[in-house]
Amino acid sequence: MVAVREPVPRRRVDWGRVGLHAGCLAALLVMLYPLAWLIATSFKPADEVISSLRLLPSRLAMSNYTTALEGVGGVSVLRLIGNSLIISTGAVLGNVISCSLAAYAFARLRFTLRGPLFALMLATIMLPQHAVLIPQYIVFNQLGMVNTFWPLVLPKFLATDAFFVFLTVQFMRGIPKELDEAATLDGCGPFRTFFRIILPLSRPALITTAIFTFIWTWNDFFLQLIYLFEPEKFTITLALRSFVDTSSQSAYGPMFAMSVIALLPIVLFFMAFQRFLVEGMASSGVKG
């Protein structure tokens, strides 16, 4: 007796899913092309940076990185990166400490005018930075802090970034209040409850604050241009523009090489804390 094999049903192609994946892949290529162009151009000779439309260079010009590593104004690129790290690290510490304390007050404590003060704090998000730039500059100039790192770091310790305060408030409101009551029964005051209970549970929101603060401070150009004058205090961001200004001709190759060097710390920092960023944003968005 011969067994009859049933025909295997043909699997239908989901053209909608195929089109969706193709569209996402195309969008990904469009988003990554500027980065690929930047890296490839950093290896191009000077005569190919503008004249050639090819992505890959005809020959590798390693001299671009040699010139970039020399820095600008007699300041090495390591010193420039060190200045950027000092400012960014100080800003991260300031925002994490001050914004967590302010968020704890708004989210867990009861005091007079809490609602109006919270609304006023949120309103400062819509205040343009340029509107307060001149008063801040006058204050820091009278304090003798201009041409130092303090104007770029000190405001972070005063919870001036309302966005991160709001982000942390939303997260803390999702923490069960029974934990506060249990801590109070055990003899904990507000500060001890904050440091022993609330702060450890708010780690995802605090890591999100740290990541965004580091990236935004590292990429900041305008405030650093206003407050820093001497090349020894320049950051890697300021050095990019100074690198072009101090050349008799537009040295695009070394400038793009320095841009790649400036991107590396941000990429490494983001890759190290990427999973905490997604967790913090998701938790802060659904709790409130």
Protein backbone atom coordinates (compact mmCIF):
# COMPACT_ATOMS: atom_id res chain seq x y z
CA MET A 1 0.00 0.00 0.00
CA VAL A 2 1.49 3.29 -1.11
CA ALA A 3 1.11 6.18 1.27
CA VAL A 4 -0.19 9.32 -0.33
CA ARG A 5 1.56 12.43 0.88
CA GLU A 6 -0.69 15.37 1.39
CA PRO A 7 0.43 18.49 -0.40
CA VAL A 8 2.04 21.02 1.91
CA PRO A 9 0.03 24.23 1.86
CA ARG A 10 1.98 27.11 0.43
CA ARG A 11 2.75 29.81 2.85
CA ARG A 12 1.35 33.14 1.81
CA VAL A 13 3.74 36.06 1.76
CA ASP A 14 2.70 38.90 4.00
CA TRP A 15 3.58 41.75 1.66
CA GLY A 16 2.47 44.30 4.23
CA ARG A 17 5.06 43.06 6.73
CA VAL A 18 7.70 42.88 4.01
CA GLY A 19 6.97 46.48 3.01
CA LEU A 20 7.08 47.58 6.65
CA HIS A 21 10.48 45.97 7.18
CA ALA A 22 11.79 47.42 3.92
CA GLY A 23 10.59 50.88 4.92
CA CYS A 24 12.21 50.60 8.35
CA LEU A 25 15.46 49.44 6.76
CA ALA A 26 15.40 52.36 4.33
CA ALA A 27 14.75 54.81 7.17
CA LEU A 28 17.63 53.28 9.13
CA LEU A 29 19.99 53.72 6.19
CA VAL A 30 18.93 57.35 5.80
CA MET A 31 19.56 58.00 9.51
CA LEU A 32 22.95 56.25 9.55
CA TYR A 33 24.26 57.71 6.30
CA PRO A 34 25.38 61.06 7.84
CA LEU A 35 27.37 59.15 10.48
CA ALA A 36 28.91 56.87 7.84
CA TRP A 37 29.72 59.92 5.71
CA LEU A 38 31.37 61.65 8.67
CA ILE A 39 33.57 58.66 9.47
CA ALA A 40 34.51 58.11 5.81
CA THR A 41 35.22 61.80 5.21
CA SER A 42 37.55 61.91 8.20
CA PHE A 43 39.87 59.61 6.22
CA LYS A 44 39.64 61.50 2.90
CA PRO A 45 42.44 63.69 1.55
CA ALA A 46 41.76 67.43 1.48
CA ASP A 47 41.10 67.49 -2.28
CA GLU A 48 38.35 64.83 -2.02
CA VAL A 49 36.31 66.18 0.90
CA ILE A 50 34.30 68.64 -1.20
CA SER A 51 35.02 67.64 -4.77
CA SER A 52 34.26 63.91 -4.56
CA LEU A 53 30.76 62.55 -4.02
CA ARG A 54 31.96 59.02 -3.32
CA LEU A 55 31.43 57.69 0.18
CA LEU A 56 34.71 55.79 0.43
CA PRO A 57 38.02 57.64 0.01
CA SER A 58 40.42 56.74 -2.76
CA ARG A 59 43.23 56.57 -0.20
CA LEU A 60 43.38 56.83 3.57
CA ALA A 61 44.66 60.16 4.89
CA MET A 62 45.71 59.31 8.43
CA SER A 63 47.26 62.75 8.68
CA ASN A 64 43.78 64.09 9.46
CA TYR A 65 43.78 62.28 12.79
CA THR A 66 47.40 63.22 13.46
CA THR A 67 46.52 66.89 13.04
CA ALA A 68 43.35 66.53 15.09
CA LEU A 69 45.19 64.89 18.00
CA GLU A 70 47.53 67.88 18.17
CA GLY A 71 44.54 69.98 19.28
CA VAL A 72 44.17 73.73 18.84
CA GLY A 73 45.96 76.73 20.27
CA GLY A 74 48.69 74.57 21.77
CA VAL A 75 46.13 72.56 23.77
CA SER A 76 46.10 68.81 23.11
CA VAL A 77 42.92 66.93 22.32
CA LEU A 78 43.26 64.99 25.59
CA ARG A 79 43.08 68.27 27.53
CA LEU A 80 40.01 69.30 25.52
CA ILE A 81 38.30 65.98 26.21
CA GLY A 82 39.26 66.27 29.88
CA ASN A 83 37.63 69.70 30.12
CA SER A 84 34.47 68.32 28.54
CA LEU A 85 34.46 65.41 30.98
CA ILE A 86 34.86 67.73 33.98
CA ILE A 87 31.93 69.91 32.91
CA SER A 88 29.71 66.98 31.89
CA THR A 89 30.43 64.99 35.06
CA GLY A 90 29.76 68.01 37.27
CA ALA A 91 26.49 68.68 35.44
CA VAL A 92 25.44 65.04 35.87
CA LEU A 93 26.14 65.08 39.61
CA GLY A 94 24.34 68.40 40.03
CA ASN A 95 21.22 67.34 38.17
CA VAL A 96 20.99 63.93 39.82
CA ILE A 97 21.34 65.37 43.34
CA SER A 98 19.24 68.53 43.03
CA CYS A 99 16.51 67.20 40.75
CA SER A 100 15.97 64.11 42.90
CA LEU A 101 15.61 66.25 46.03
CA ALA A 102 13.20 68.66 44.34
CA ALA A 103 11.20 65.80 42.84
CA TYR A 104 10.93 64.10 46.24
CA ALA A 105 9.51 67.29 47.75
CA PHE A 106 6.89 67.67 45.02
CA ALA A 107 5.99 63.97 44.81
CA ARG A 108 5.93 62.82 48.45
CA LEU A 109 5.81 65.78 50.84
CA ARG A 110 2.87 68.00 51.75
CA PHE A 111 3.53 71.73 52.13
CA THR A 112 1.83 75.04 51.44
CA LEU A 113 1.58 76.16 47.79
CA ARG A 114 2.94 72.85 46.54
CA GLY A 115 0.61 72.86 43.52
CA PRO A 116 1.30 76.45 42.39
CA LEU A 117 5.04 76.02 42.87
CA PHE A 118 4.99 72.82 40.83
CA ALA A 119 3.06 74.59 38.06
CA LEU A 120 5.54 77.47 38.16
CA MET A 121 8.40 75.01 37.89
CA LEU A 122 6.79 73.39 34.84
CA ALA A 123 6.28 76.81 33.26
CA THR A 124 10.03 77.39 33.28
CA ILE A 125 10.35 74.59 30.71
CA MET A 126 8.78 76.97 28.16
CA LEU A 127 11.14 79.82 29.13
CA PRO A 128 13.79 80.34 26.42
CA GLN A 129 17.32 79.98 27.66
CA HIS A 130 18.31 83.21 25.92
CA ALA A 131 15.84 85.17 28.07
CA VAL A 132 17.86 84.53 31.23
CA LEU A 133 21.30 84.46 29.63
CA ILE A 134 22.15 88.15 30.19
CA PRO A 135 21.06 88.25 33.88
CA GLN A 136 22.97 85.04 34.54
CA TYR A 137 26.07 86.38 32.83
CA ILE A 138 25.93 89.58 34.90
CA VAL A 139 25.63 87.59 38.13
CA PHE A 140 28.50 85.23 37.29
CA ASN A 141 30.64 88.14 36.09
CA GLN A 142 30.14 89.99 39.39
CA LEU A 143 31.04 86.79 41.25
CA GLY A 144 34.24 86.46 39.21
CA MET A 145 33.23 83.11 37.72
CA VAL A 146 33.39 84.03 34.03
CA ASN A 147 36.07 82.10 32.12
CA THR A 148 35.72 79.23 34.60
CA PHE A 149 33.70 76.01 34.62
CA TRP A 150 31.43 77.19 37.44
CA PRO A 151 28.76 78.93 35.30
CA LEU A 152 28.30 75.67 33.39
CA VAL A 153 28.13 73.43 36.48
CA LEU A 154 26.80 75.46 39.43
CA PRO A 155 23.24 76.01 38.07
CA LYS A 156 22.82 72.23 37.82
CA PHE A 157 23.06 71.97 41.62
CA LEU A 158 20.07 74.32 41.94
CA ALA A 159 17.55 72.09 40.09
CA THR A 160 17.27 74.49 37.16
CA ASP A 161 16.42 71.73 34.65
CA ALA A 162 12.67 71.47 35.21
CA PHE A 163 12.35 68.67 32.66
CA PHE A 164 14.35 66.28 34.82
CA VAL A 165 12.48 67.34 37.94
CA PHE A 166 9.19 66.54 36.22
CA LEU A 167 10.58 63.23 34.91
CA THR A 168 11.64 62.14 38.40
CA VAL A 169 8.37 63.35 39.96
CA GLN A 170 6.39 61.14 37.61
CA PHE A 171 8.49 58.14 38.60
CA MET A 172 8.34 58.78 42.35
CA ARG A 173 4.57 59.14 42.27
CA GLY A 174 4.39 55.52 41.13
CA ILE A 175 6.25 54.23 44.19
CA PRO A 176 3.74 52.89 46.78
CA LYS A 177 3.17 55.36 49.59
CA GLU A 178 2.88 52.50 52.04
CA LEU A 179 6.68 52.37 51.98
CA ASP A 180 6.81 55.92 53.33
CA GLU A 181 4.29 55.08 56.04
CA ALA A 182 6.23 51.97 57.05
CA ALA A 183 9.45 53.98 57.22
CA THR A 184 7.73 56.62 59.37
CA LEU A 185 6.52 53.93 61.79
CA ASP A 186 10.11 52.71 62.05
CA GLY A 187 11.24 56.19 63.07
CA CYS A 188 12.53 57.50 59.74
CA GLY A 189 12.22 61.19 59.00
CA PRO A 190 11.76 62.71 55.51
CA PHE A 191 15.47 62.75 54.69
CA ARG A 192 16.12 59.24 55.93
CA THR A 193 13.09 57.97 54.03
CA PHE A 194 14.41 59.66 50.89
CA PHE A 195 17.92 58.25 51.12
CA ARG A 196 16.95 54.75 52.36
CA ILE A 197 13.71 54.09 50.43
CA ILE A 198 12.88 56.50 47.61
CA LEU A 199 16.33 57.17 46.18
CA PRO A 200 17.31 53.51 45.60
CA LEU A 201 13.92 52.77 43.99
CA SER A 202 14.28 55.79 41.68
CA ARG A 203 17.44 54.49 40.03
CA PRO A 204 15.95 54.14 36.49
CA ALA A 205 14.76 57.76 36.46
CA LEU A 206 18.07 59.01 37.88
CA ILE A 207 20.08 57.08 35.28
CA THR A 208 17.88 58.56 32.54
CA THR A 209 18.58 62.02 33.96
CA ALA A 210 22.31 61.28 34.02
CA ILE A 211 22.39 60.05 30.42
CA PHE A 212 20.51 62.99 28.94
CA THR A 213 22.45 65.50 31.05
CA PHE A 214 25.78 64.06 29.95
CA ILE A 215 24.85 64.05 26.26
CA TRP A 216 23.31 67.55 26.27
CA THR A 217 26.18 69.06 28.25
CA TRP A 218 28.82 67.37 26.11
CA ASN A 219 27.20 68.69 22.91
CA ASP A 220 26.53 72.16 24.30
CA PHE A 221 28.24 74.91 22.34
CA PHE A 222 26.45 78.18 23.00
CA LEU A 223 26.94 78.46 26.78
CA GLN A 224 30.52 77.28 26.58
CA LEU A 225 31.20 79.88 23.90
CA ILE A 226 29.76 82.61 26.16
CA TYR A 227 31.60 81.72 29.38
CA LEU A 228 34.95 80.26 28.26
CA PHE A 229 37.64 82.47 26.70
CA GLU A 230 41.04 80.86 27.17
CA PRO A 231 42.06 77.90 24.95
CA GLU A 232 43.25 75.99 28.05
CA LYS A 233 39.63 75.88 29.23
CA PHE A 234 38.09 75.02 25.86
CA THR A 235 36.03 71.86 25.48
CA ILE A 236 36.13 69.53 22.51
CA THR A 237 32.99 71.21 21.16
CA LEU A 238 34.55 74.67 21.19
CA ALA A 239 37.74 73.29 19.69
CA LEU A 240 35.89 72.12 16.59
CA ARG A 241 35.05 75.68 15.60
CA SER A 242 38.37 77.06 16.75
CA PHE A 243 40.10 74.41 14.68
CA VAL A 244 38.61 75.91 11.53
CA ASP A 245 39.08 79.54 12.58
CA THR A 246 42.79 79.18 13.31
CA SER A 247 43.55 77.64 9.90
CA SER A 248 44.45 79.72 6.90
CA GLN A 249 42.24 77.44 4.84
CA SER A 250 39.26 75.24 5.61
CA ALA A 251 40.83 72.07 6.99
CA TYR A 252 37.76 69.88 6.69
CA GLY A 253 39.58 66.57 7.00
CA PRO A 254 41.10 67.23 10.45
CA MET A 255 37.85 68.89 11.56
CA PHE A 256 35.84 65.77 10.70
CA ALA A 257 38.49 63.61 12.37
CA MET A 258 38.10 65.64 15.56
CA SER A 259 34.32 65.29 15.23
CA VAL A 260 34.68 61.50 15.22
CA ILE A 261 36.91 61.72 18.31
CA ALA A 262 34.29 63.91 20.02
CA LEU A 263 31.56 61.35 19.28
CA LEU A 264 33.33 58.39 20.86
CA PRO A 265 32.69 59.25 24.57
CA ILE A 266 28.99 59.87 23.90
CA VAL A 267 28.59 56.59 22.01
CA LEU A 268 30.40 54.62 24.73
CA PHE A 269 28.40 56.30 27.50
CA PHE A 270 25.10 55.63 25.73
CA MET A 271 25.95 52.01 24.99
CA ALA A 272 26.91 51.40 28.62
CA PHE A 273 23.60 52.71 30.02
CA GLN A 274 21.22 52.08 27.13
CA ARG A 275 19.05 49.50 28.90
CA PHE A 276 18.61 51.78 31.91
CA LEU A 277 17.53 54.61 29.60
CA VAL A 278 14.71 52.55 28.06
CA GLU A 279 13.61 51.29 31.49
CA GLY A 280 13.61 54.77 33.01
CA MET A 281 11.69 56.43 30.18
CA ALA A 282 9.09 53.64 30.10
CA SER A 283 8.57 53.69 33.87
CA SER A 284 8.34 57.48 34.06
CA GLY A 285 5.86 57.57 31.23
CA VAL A 286 3.31 55.09 32.60
CA LYS A 287 3.41 56.09 36.27
CA GLY A 288 1.86 59.27 37.55
